[in-house]
Every structure is written in structure tokens, then in C-alpha cells.
Amino acid sequence: MCAPDDAALRPGIAALLRRLREQRELSIAAAAGLADVQPNTISRLERGASDVGLDTLHRYLGGLGFALEVVVTEVETGKERGRLRLKPWSEGEDEG
């Protein structure tokens, strides 16, 4: 059994990020300001042209007003084995 290639995940993640930003009626520049990242970072993420680091994803979603939740599910059974909800990121917060 093989895990999906990161590149195969990017289009779905990219589309989700863009849809969430557009639902908030924010420009790329405005979303970047809220997430404290460069606009070109948002552009690359929304095109699927860049790997999404967990810290960047956390900042981006937090800037849009969303929390990031990680769910670990057993592949064979589909049974949930763990869940971690990161507190929403806020501007000026140190990720390190």
C-alpha cells in the first residue's frame, strides 16, 4: 500500500485554500497581510506550485479565521485513531 505523493495532494489543497479566501472576499494581498506571509507565498499555495508547510498552512488558515485540525485515520479500517486541533494562529504569534 502506497501513501499518496505530496504533488498529488497539492491541487486539492490549493483549491480549498483559494475557495476559503474567496468566501471571505479577500484579495491575495489582504489574506497575506492577515497571515503575515508574502503575497507570492499565497499565490504559489493557491496554484499548487509549492509544498504547504504545516506552519504556513496554520498561519494562512488562522489569518482567514479558521483553525487547523489534523485527523489520523487507519487506512485499512477507516477508523479514527487520533485528532489534534491547533489553536488558531494570530498575527505576531511565534511559530517556533
PDB file of N, CA and C in Angstrom:
ATOM      1  N   MET A   1       0.857  -1.182   0.000  1.00  0.00           N
ATOM      2  CA  MET A   1       0.000   0.000   0.000  1.00  0.00           C
ATOM      3  C   MET A   1       0.900   1.241   0.000  1.00  0.00           C
ATOM      4  N   CYS A   2       0.654   2.157  -0.877  1.00  0.00           N
ATOM      5  CA  CYS A   2       1.482   3.356  -1.022  1.00  0.00           C
ATOM      6  C   CYS A   2       0.742   4.588  -0.532  1.00  0.00           C
ATOM      7  N   ALA A   3       1.483   5.470   0.092  1.00  0.00           N
ATOM      8  CA  ALA A   3       0.927   6.763   0.501  1.00  0.00           C
ATOM      9  C   ALA A   3       0.866   7.657  -0.720  1.00  0.00           C
ATOM     10  N   PRO A   4      -0.112   8.577  -0.763  1.00  0.00           N
ATOM     11  CA  PRO A   4      -0.172   9.474  -1.918  1.00  0.00           C
ATOM     12  C   PRO A   4       1.047  10.381  -1.979  1.00  0.00           C
ATOM     13  N   ASP A   5       1.481  10.637  -3.156  1.00  0.00           N
ATOM     14  CA  ASP A   5       2.590  11.548  -3.408  1.00  0.00           C
ATOM     15  C   ASP A   5       2.145  12.969  -3.027  1.00  0.00           C
ATOM     16  N   ASP A   6       3.032  13.736  -2.398  1.00  0.00           N
ATOM     17  CA  ASP A   6       2.697  15.107  -1.998  1.00  0.00           C
ATOM     18  C   ASP A   6       2.165  15.928  -3.163  1.00  0.00           C
ATOM     19  N   ALA A   7       2.754  15.741  -4.347  1.00  0.00           N
ATOM     20  CA  ALA A   7       2.320  16.512  -5.520  1.00  0.00           C
ATOM     21  C   ALA A   7       0.872  16.197  -5.879  1.00  0.00           C
ATOM     22  N   ALA A   8       0.421  14.984  -5.584  1.00  0.00           N
ATOM     23  CA  ALA A   8      -0.966  14.610  -5.884  1.00  0.00           C
ATOM     24  C   ALA A   8      -1.944  15.316  -4.942  1.00  0.00           C
ATOM     25  N   LEU A   9      -1.489  15.696  -3.765  1.00  0.00           N
ATOM     26  CA  LEU A   9      -2.350  16.381  -2.793  1.00  0.00           C
ATOM     27  C   LEU A   9      -2.474  17.877  -3.071  1.00  0.00           C
ATOM     28  N   ARG A  10      -1.461  18.438  -3.686  1.00  0.00           N
ATOM     29  CA  ARG A  10      -1.420  19.898  -3.868  1.00  0.00           C
ATOM     30  C   ARG A  10      -2.626  20.498  -4.564  1.00  0.00           C
ATOM     31  N   PRO A  11      -3.127  19.934  -5.665  1.00  0.00           N
ATOM     32  CA  PRO A  11      -4.279  20.574  -6.329  1.00  0.00           C
ATOM     33  C   PRO A  11      -5.502  20.690  -5.423  1.00  0.00           C
ATOM     34  N   GLY A  12      -5.783  19.663  -4.636  1.00  0.00           N
ATOM     35  CA  GLY A  12      -6.932  19.708  -3.731  1.00  0.00           C
ATOM     36  C   GLY A  12      -6.751  20.728  -2.623  1.00  0.00           C
ATOM     37  N   ILE A  13      -5.552  20.770  -2.059  1.00  0.00           N
ATOM     38  CA  ILE A  13      -5.262  21.745  -1.005  1.00  0.00           C
ATOM     39  C   ILE A  13      -5.322  23.150  -1.584  1.00  0.00           C
ATOM     40  N   ALA A  14      -4.740  23.324  -2.755  1.00  0.00           N
ATOM     41  CA  ALA A  14      -4.728  24.641  -3.419  1.00  0.00           C
ATOM     42  C   ALA A  14      -6.147  25.146  -3.649  1.00  0.00           C
ATOM     43  N   ALA A  15      -7.002  24.277  -4.177  1.00  0.00           N
ATOM     44  CA  ALA A  15      -8.392  24.669  -4.462  1.00  0.00           C
ATOM     45  C   ALA A  15      -9.129  25.028  -3.171  1.00  0.00           C
ATOM     46  N   LEU A  16      -8.899  24.269  -2.115  1.00  0.00           N
ATOM     47  CA  LEU A  16      -9.540  24.560  -0.829  1.00  0.00           C
ATOM     48  C   LEU A  16      -9.099  25.918  -0.295  1.00  0.00           C
ATOM     49  N   LEU A  17      -7.801  26.182  -0.326  1.00  0.00           N
ATOM     50  CA  LEU A  17      -7.293  27.455   0.191  1.00  0.00           C
ATOM     51  C   LEU A  17      -7.866  28.635  -0.591  1.00  0.00           C
ATOM     52  N   ARG A  18      -7.895  28.507  -1.895  1.00  0.00           N
ATOM     53  CA  ARG A  18      -8.439  29.594  -2.725  1.00  0.00           C
ATOM     54  C   ARG A  18      -9.931  29.812  -2.436  1.00  0.00           C
ATOM     55  N   ARG A  19     -10.687  28.706  -2.348  1.00  0.00           N
ATOM     56  CA  ARG A  19     -12.123  28.809  -2.079  1.00  0.00           C
ATOM     57  C   ARG A  19     -12.385  29.484  -0.725  1.00  0.00           C
ATOM     58  N   LEU A  20     -11.618  29.122   0.293  1.00  0.00           N
ATOM     59  CA  LEU A  20     -11.801  29.734   1.617  1.00  0.00           C
ATOM     60  C   LEU A  20     -11.499  31.230   1.577  1.00  0.00           C
ATOM     61  N   ARG A  21     -10.418  31.598   0.871  1.00  0.00           N
ATOM     62  CA  ARG A  21     -10.071  33.026   0.764  1.00  0.00           C
ATOM     63  C   ARG A  21     -11.165  33.783   0.026  1.00  0.00           C
ATOM     64  N   GLU A  22     -11.636  33.210  -1.072  1.00  0.00           N
ATOM     65  CA  GLU A  22     -12.674  33.878  -1.855  1.00  0.00           C
ATOM     66  C   GLU A  22     -13.993  33.981  -1.081  1.00  0.00           C
ATOM     67  N   GLN A  23     -14.308  32.998  -0.252  1.00  0.00           N
ATOM     68  CA  GLN A  23     -15.509  33.074   0.584  1.00  0.00           C
ATOM     69  C   GLN A  23     -15.426  34.240   1.559  1.00  0.00           C
ATOM     70  N   ARG A  24     -14.217  34.569   1.977  1.00  0.00           N
ATOM     71  CA  ARG A  24     -14.003  35.712   2.872  1.00  0.00           C
ATOM     72  C   ARG A  24     -13.910  37.026   2.096  1.00  0.00           C
ATOM     73  N   GLU A  25     -13.993  36.921   0.759  1.00  0.00           N
ATOM     74  CA  GLU A  25     -13.917  38.078  -0.136  1.00  0.00           C
ATOM     75  C   GLU A  25     -12.640  38.885   0.080  1.00  0.00           C
ATOM     76  N   LEU A  26     -11.524  38.153   0.168  1.00  0.00           N
ATOM     77  CA  LEU A  26     -10.215  38.774   0.378  1.00  0.00           C
ATOM     78  C   LEU A  26      -9.356  38.640  -0.867  1.00  0.00           C
ATOM     79  N   SER A  27      -8.585  39.662  -1.143  1.00  0.00           N
ATOM     80  CA  SER A  27      -7.576  39.572  -2.192  1.00  0.00           C
ATOM     81  C   SER A  27      -6.409  38.749  -1.651  1.00  0.00           C
ATOM     82  N   ILE A  28      -5.533  38.329  -2.552  1.00  0.00           N
ATOM     83  CA  ILE A  28      -4.332  37.611  -2.115  1.00  0.00           C
ATOM     84  C   ILE A  28      -3.516  38.491  -1.183  1.00  0.00           C
ATOM     85  N   ALA A  29      -3.369  39.765  -1.521  1.00  0.00           N
ATOM     86  CA  ALA A  29      -2.589  40.680  -0.686  1.00  0.00           C
ATOM     87  C   ALA A  29      -3.198  40.834   0.705  1.00  0.00           C
ATOM     88  N   ALA A  30      -4.521  40.950   0.772  1.00  0.00           N
ATOM     89  CA  ALA A  30      -5.185  41.093   2.075  1.00  0.00           C
ATOM     90  C   ALA A  30      -5.020  39.824   2.912  1.00  0.00           C
ATOM     91  N   ALA A  31      -5.180  38.666   2.293  1.00  0.00           N
ATOM     92  CA  ALA A  31      -5.016  37.395   3.010  1.00  0.00           C
ATOM     93  C   ALA A  31      -3.579  37.235   3.498  1.00  0.00           C
ATOM     94  N   ALA A  32      -2.621  37.629   2.661  1.00  0.00           N
ATOM     95  CA  ALA A  32      -1.214  37.550   3.050  1.00  0.00           C
ATOM     96  C   ALA A  32      -0.937  38.435   4.261  1.00  0.00           C
ATOM     97  N   GLY A  33      -1.520  39.612   4.271  1.00  0.00           N
ATOM     98  CA  GLY A  33      -1.343  40.507   5.413  1.00  0.00           C
ATOM     99  C   GLY A  33      -1.905  39.913   6.694  1.00  0.00           C
ATOM    100  N   LEU A  34      -3.062  39.300   6.608  1.00  0.00           N
ATOM    101  CA  LEU A  34      -3.674  38.683   7.784  1.00  0.00           C
ATOM    102  C   LEU A  34      -2.862  37.491   8.296  1.00  0.00           C
ATOM    103  N   ALA A  35      -2.231  36.775   7.378  1.00  0.00           N
ATOM    104  CA  ALA A  35      -1.457  35.587   7.739  1.00  0.00           C
ATOM    105  C   ALA A  35       0.010  35.905   8.007  1.00  0.00           C
ATOM    106  N   ASP A  36       0.407  37.149   7.780  1.00  0.00           N
ATOM    107  CA  ASP A  36       1.789  37.590   7.978  1.00  0.00           C
ATOM    108  C   ASP A  36       2.768  36.785   7.110  1.00  0.00           C
ATOM    109  N   VAL A  37       2.392  36.604   5.841  1.00  0.00           N
ATOM    110  CA  VAL A  37       3.264  35.969   4.853  1.00  0.00           C
ATOM    111  C   VAL A  37       3.286  36.843   3.605  1.00  0.00           C
ATOM    112  N   GLN A  38       4.190  36.579   2.708  1.00  0.00           N
ATOM    113  CA  GLN A  38       4.291  37.338   1.464  1.00  0.00           C
ATOM    114  C   GLN A  38       3.152  36.949   0.517  1.00  0.00           C
ATOM    115  N   PRO A  39       2.621  37.906  -0.255  1.00  0.00           N
ATOM    116  CA  PRO A  39       1.575  37.575  -1.219  1.00  0.00           C
ATOM    117  C   PRO A  39       1.982  36.478  -2.206  1.00  0.00           C
ATOM    118  N   ASN A  40       3.262  36.455  -2.606  1.00  0.00           N
ATOM    119  CA  ASN A  40       3.682  35.410  -3.550  1.00  0.00           C
ATOM    120  C   ASN A  40       3.595  34.018  -2.925  1.00  0.00           C
ATOM    121  N   THR A  41       3.693  33.927  -1.597  1.00  0.00           N
ATOM    122  CA  THR A  41       3.516  32.641  -0.910  1.00  0.00           C
ATOM    123  C   THR A  41       2.081  32.157  -1.079  1.00  0.00           C
ATOM    124  N   ILE A  42       1.116  33.059  -0.878  1.00  0.00           N
ATOM    125  CA  ILE A  42      -0.300  32.709  -1.040  1.00  0.00           C
ATOM    126  C   ILE A  42      -0.573  32.310  -2.489  1.00  0.00           C
ATOM    127  N   SER A  43      -0.044  33.073  -3.419  1.00  0.00           N
ATOM    128  CA  SER A  43      -0.246  32.787  -4.838  1.00  0.00           C
ATOM    129  C   SER A  43       0.280  31.398  -5.196  1.00  0.00           C
ATOM    130  N   ARG A  44       1.493  31.072  -4.736  1.00  0.00           N
ATOM    131  CA  ARG A  44       2.068  29.752  -5.031  1.00  0.00           C
ATOM    132  C   ARG A  44       1.240  28.637  -4.407  1.00  0.00           C
ATOM    133  N   LEU A  45       0.781  28.832  -3.169  1.00  0.00           N
ATOM    134  CA  LEU A  45      -0.031  27.809  -2.497  1.00  0.00           C
ATOM    135  C   LEU A  45      -1.340  27.577  -3.236  1.00  0.00           C
ATOM    136  N   GLU A  46      -1.982  28.670  -3.672  1.00  0.00           N
ATOM    137  CA  GLU A  46      -3.276  28.555  -4.340  1.00  0.00           C
ATOM    138  C   GLU A  46      -3.175  28.014  -5.763  1.00  0.00           C
ATOM    139  N   ARG A  47      -1.988  28.012  -6.319  1.00  0.00           N
ATOM    140  CA  ARG A  47      -1.771  27.406  -7.644  1.00  0.00           C
ATOM    141  C   ARG A  47      -1.262  25.974  -7.516  1.00  0.00           C
ATOM    142  N   GLY A  48      -0.967  25.553  -6.288  1.00  0.00           N
ATOM    143  CA  GLY A  48      -0.409  24.222  -6.082  1.00  0.00           C
ATOM    144  C   GLY A  48       1.036  24.128  -6.518  1.00  0.00           C
ATOM    145  N   ALA A  49       1.695  25.276  -6.637  1.00  0.00           N
ATOM    146  CA  ALA A  49       3.069  25.321  -7.134  1.00  0.00           C
ATOM    147  C   ALA A  49       4.096  25.172  -6.020  1.00  0.00           C
ATOM    148  N   SER A  50       3.650  25.043  -4.794  1.00  0.00           N
ATOM    149  CA  SER A  50       4.568  24.985  -3.670  1.00  0.00           C
ATOM    150  C   SER A  50       4.059  23.991  -2.642  1.00  0.00           C
ATOM    151  N   ASP A  51       4.982  23.286  -2.007  1.00  0.00           N
ATOM    152  CA  ASP A  51       4.602  22.428  -0.894  1.00  0.00           C
ATOM    153  C   ASP A  51       4.026  23.297   0.217  1.00  0.00           C
ATOM    154  N   VAL A  52       3.079  22.771   0.924  1.00  0.00           N
ATOM    155  CA  VAL A  52       2.459  23.505   2.019  1.00  0.00           C
ATOM    156  C   VAL A  52       3.061  23.015   3.327  1.00  0.00           C
ATOM    157  N   GLY A  53       3.873  23.857   3.956  1.00  0.00           N
ATOM    158  CA  GLY A  53       4.398  23.529   5.274  1.00  0.00           C
ATOM    159  C   GLY A  53       3.296  23.700   6.310  1.00  0.00           C
ATOM    160  N   LEU A  54       3.340  22.893   7.345  1.00  0.00           N
ATOM    161  CA  LEU A  54       2.320  22.950   8.374  1.00  0.00           C
ATOM    162  C   LEU A  54       2.236  24.333   9.013  1.00  0.00           C
ATOM    163  N   ASP A  55       3.374  24.960   9.263  1.00  0.00           N
ATOM    164  CA  ASP A  55       3.350  26.284   9.876  1.00  0.00           C
ATOM    165  C   ASP A  55       2.713  27.322   8.954  1.00  0.00           C
ATOM    166  N   THR A  56       3.002  27.249   7.652  1.00  0.00           N
ATOM    167  CA  THR A  56       2.402  28.190   6.697  1.00  0.00           C
ATOM    168  C   THR A  56       0.906  27.949   6.571  1.00  0.00           C
ATOM    169  N   LEU A  57       0.514  26.688   6.506  1.00  0.00           N
ATOM    170  CA  LEU A  57      -0.903  26.352   6.430  1.00  0.00           C
ATOM    171  C   LEU A  57      -1.637  26.840   7.675  1.00  0.00           C
ATOM    172  N   HIS A  58      -1.024  26.668   8.825  1.00  0.00           N
ATOM    173  CA  HIS A  58      -1.598  27.132  10.094  1.00  0.00           C
ATOM    174  C   HIS A  58      -1.781  28.652  10.080  1.00  0.00           C
ATOM    175  N   ARG A  59      -0.759  29.383   9.645  1.00  0.00           N
ATOM    176  CA  ARG A  59      -0.837  30.850   9.552  1.00  0.00           C
ATOM    177  C   ARG A  59      -1.921  31.297   8.580  1.00  0.00           C
ATOM    178  N   TYR A  60      -1.925  30.663   7.406  1.00  0.00           N
ATOM    179  CA  TYR A  60      -2.868  31.044   6.361  1.00  0.00           C
ATOM    180  C   TYR A  60      -4.300  30.833   6.828  1.00  0.00           C
ATOM    181  N   LEU A  61      -4.596  29.654   7.323  1.00  0.00           N
ATOM    182  CA  LEU A  61      -5.954  29.370   7.787  1.00  0.00           C
ATOM    183  C   LEU A  61      -6.336  30.236   8.975  1.00  0.00           C
ATOM    184  N   GLY A  62      -5.410  30.447   9.899  1.00  0.00           N
ATOM    185  CA  GLY A  62      -5.677  31.309  11.046  1.00  0.00           C
ATOM    186  C   GLY A  62      -5.962  32.740  10.631  1.00  0.00           C
ATOM    187  N   GLY A  63      -5.206  33.215   9.645  1.00  0.00           N
ATOM    188  CA  GLY A  63      -5.441  34.556   9.130  1.00  0.00           C
ATOM    189  C   GLY A  63      -6.821  34.714   8.513  1.00  0.00           C
ATOM    190  N   LEU A  64      -7.334  33.620   7.954  1.00  0.00           N
ATOM    191  CA  LEU A  64      -8.669  33.643   7.360  1.00  0.00           C
ATOM    192  C   LEU A  64      -9.767  33.387   8.398  1.00  0.00           C
ATOM    193  N   GLY A  65      -9.358  33.068   9.630  1.00  0.00           N
ATOM    194  CA  GLY A  65     -10.344  32.822  10.688  1.00  0.00           C
ATOM    195  C   GLY A  65     -10.721  31.364  10.869  1.00  0.00           C
ATOM    196  N   PHE A  66      -9.873  30.458  10.388  1.00  0.00           N
ATOM    197  CA  PHE A  66     -10.122  29.030  10.519  1.00  0.00           C
ATOM    198  C   PHE A  66      -9.061  28.391  11.405  1.00  0.00           C
ATOM    199  N   ALA A  67      -9.422  27.312  12.081  1.00  0.00           N
ATOM    200  CA  ALA A  67      -8.467  26.518  12.851  1.00  0.00           C
ATOM    201  C   ALA A  67      -8.047  25.318  12.008  1.00  0.00           C
ATOM    202  N   LEU A  68      -6.864  24.818  12.262  1.00  0.00           N
ATOM    203  CA  LEU A  68      -6.360  23.643  11.560  1.00  0.00           C
ATOM    204  C   LEU A  68      -6.520  22.437  12.472  1.00  0.00           C
ATOM    205  N   GLU A  69      -7.106  21.379  11.944  1.00  0.00           N
ATOM    206  CA  GLU A  69      -7.292  20.151  12.700  1.00  0.00           C
ATOM    207  C   GLU A  69      -6.695  19.001  11.898  1.00  0.00           C
ATOM    208  N   VAL A  70      -5.917  18.170  12.569  1.00  0.00           N
ATOM    209  CA  VAL A  70      -5.302  17.014  11.933  1.00  0.00           C
ATOM    210  C   VAL A  70      -6.015  15.773  12.456  1.00  0.00           C
ATOM    211  N   VAL A  71      -6.484  14.947  11.550  1.00  0.00           N
ATOM    212  CA  VAL A  71      -7.159  13.701  11.912  1.00  0.00           C
ATOM    213  C   VAL A  71      -6.332  12.543  11.368  1.00  0.00           C
ATOM    214  N   VAL A  72      -5.995  11.602  12.244  1.00  0.00           N
ATOM    215  CA  VAL A  72      -5.239  10.422  11.845  1.00  0.00           C
ATOM    216  C   VAL A  72      -6.216   9.255  11.777  1.00  0.00           C
ATOM    217  N   THR A  73      -6.294   8.656  10.585  1.00  0.00           N
ATOM    218  CA  THR A  73      -7.236   7.565  10.339  1.00  0.00           C
ATOM    219  C   THR A  73      -6.488   6.339   9.847  1.00  0.00           C
ATOM    220  N   GLU A  74      -6.859   5.186  10.354  1.00  0.00           N
ATOM    221  CA  GLU A  74      -6.258   3.934   9.918  1.00  0.00           C
ATOM    222  C   GLU A  74      -6.711   3.647   8.483  1.00  0.00           C
ATOM    223  N   VAL A  75      -5.762   3.401   7.596  1.00  0.00           N
ATOM    224  CA  VAL A  75      -6.066   3.230   6.180  1.00  0.00           C
ATOM    225  C   VAL A  75      -6.975   2.028   5.933  1.00  0.00           C
ATOM    226  N   GLU A  76      -6.650   0.904   6.507  1.00  0.00           N
ATOM    227  CA  GLU A  76      -7.400  -0.327   6.207  1.00  0.00           C
ATOM    228  C   GLU A  76      -8.827  -0.315   6.737  1.00  0.00           C
ATOM    229  N   THR A  77      -9.032   0.253   7.933  1.00  0.00           N
ATOM    230  CA  THR A  77     -10.358   0.198   8.548  1.00  0.00           C
ATOM    231  C   THR A  77     -11.128   1.503   8.454  1.00  0.00           C
ATOM    232  N   GLY A  78     -10.415   2.598   8.215  1.00  0.00           N
ATOM    233  CA  GLY A  78     -11.059   3.905   8.204  1.00  0.00           C
ATOM    234  C   GLY A  78     -11.347   4.431   9.597  1.00  0.00           C
ATOM    235  N   LYS A  79     -10.898   3.703  10.611  1.00  0.00           N
ATOM    236  CA  LYS A  79     -11.154   4.102  11.996  1.00  0.00           C
ATOM    237  C   LYS A  79     -10.239   5.250  12.414  1.00  0.00           C
ATOM    238  N   GLU A  80     -10.849   6.267  13.019  1.00  0.00           N
ATOM    239  CA  GLU A  80     -10.077   7.402  13.504  1.00  0.00           C
ATOM    240  C   GLU A  80      -9.236   6.957  14.688  1.00  0.00           C
ATOM    241  N   ARG A  81      -7.949   7.322  14.654  1.00  0.00           N
ATOM    242  CA  ARG A  81      -7.015   6.934  15.705  1.00  0.00           C
ATOM    243  C   ARG A  81      -6.490   8.106  16.516  1.00  0.00           C
ATOM    244  N   GLY A  82      -6.725   9.292  16.055  1.00  0.00           N
ATOM    245  CA  GLY A  82      -6.262  10.460  16.798  1.00  0.00           C
ATOM    246  C   GLY A  82      -6.677  11.741  16.113  1.00  0.00           C
ATOM    247  N   ARG A  83      -6.749  12.804  16.898  1.00  0.00           N
ATOM    248  CA  ARG A  83      -7.164  14.105  16.381  1.00  0.00           C
ATOM    249  C   ARG A  83      -6.411  15.178  17.152  1.00  0.00           C
ATOM    250  N   LEU A  84      -5.922  16.153  16.432  1.00  0.00           N
ATOM    251  CA  LEU A  84      -5.216  17.270  17.041  1.00  0.00           C
ATOM    252  C   LEU A  84      -5.747  18.550  16.431  1.00  0.00           C
ATOM    253  N   ARG A  85      -6.274  19.416  17.263  1.00  0.00           N
ATOM    254  CA  ARG A  85      -6.760  20.710  16.788  1.00  0.00           C
ATOM    255  C   ARG A  85      -5.785  21.772  17.279  1.00  0.00           C
ATOM    256  N   LEU A  86      -5.156  22.451  16.330  1.00  0.00           N
ATOM    257  CA  LEU A  86      -4.226  23.522  16.685  1.00  0.00           C
ATOM    258  C   LEU A  86      -5.016  24.779  16.993  1.00  0.00           C
ATOM    259  N   LYS A  87      -4.638  25.457  18.046  1.00  0.00           N
ATOM    260  CA  LYS A  87      -5.348  26.701  18.341  1.00  0.00           C
ATOM    261  C   LYS A  87      -5.147  27.659  17.179  1.00  0.00           C
ATOM    262  N   PRO A  88      -6.133  28.481  16.899  1.00  0.00           N
ATOM    263  CA  PRO A  88      -5.996  29.405  15.765  1.00  0.00           C
ATOM    264  C   PRO A  88      -4.767  30.292  15.908  1.00  0.00           C
ATOM    265  N   TRP A  89      -4.039  30.432  14.813  1.00  0.00           N
ATOM    266  CA  TRP A  89      -2.874  31.305  14.780  1.00  0.00           C
ATOM    267  C   TRP A  89      -3.343  32.741  14.776  1.00  0.00           C
ATOM    268  N   SER A  90      -2.599  33.607  15.441  1.00  0.00           N
ATOM    269  CA  SER A  90      -2.916  35.022  15.370  1.00  0.00           C
ATOM    270  C   SER A  90      -1.647  35.793  15.031  1.00  0.00           C
ATOM    271  N   GLU A  91      -1.815  36.899  14.347  1.00  0.00           N
ATOM    272  CA  GLU A  91      -0.680  37.702  13.888  1.00  0.00           C
ATOM    273  C   GLU A  91       0.229  38.047  15.050  1.00  0.00           C
ATOM    274  N   GLY A  92       1.521  37.909  14.815  1.00  0.00           N
ATOM    275  CA  GLY A  92       2.514  38.208  15.842  1.00  0.00           C
ATOM    276  C   GLY A  92       2.870  37.008  16.689  1.00  0.00           C
ATOM    277  N   GLU A  93       2.175  35.893  16.510  1.00  0.00           N
ATOM    278  CA  GLU A  93       2.456  34.685  17.277  1.00  0.00           C
ATOM    279  C   GLU A  93       3.709  34.035  16.743  1.00  0.00           C
ATOM    280  N   ASP A  94       4.549  33.557  17.623  1.00  0.00           N
ATOM    281  CA  ASP A  94       5.773  32.879  17.228  1.00  0.00           C
ATOM    282  C   ASP A  94       5.477  31.409  16.984  1.00  0.00           C
ATOM    283  N   GLU A  95       5.773  30.938  15.762  1.00  0.00           N
ATOM    284  CA  GLU A  95       5.521  29.547  15.414  1.00  0.00           C
ATOM    285  C   GLU A  95       6.602  28.618  15.949  1.00  0.00           C
ATOM    286  N   GLY A  96       7.777  29.140  16.273  1.00  0.00           N
ATOM    287  CA  GLY A  96       8.902  28.299  16.653  1.00  0.00           C
ATOM    288  C   GLY A  96       8.787  27.828  18.036  1.00  0.00           C
TER     289      GLY A  96
END
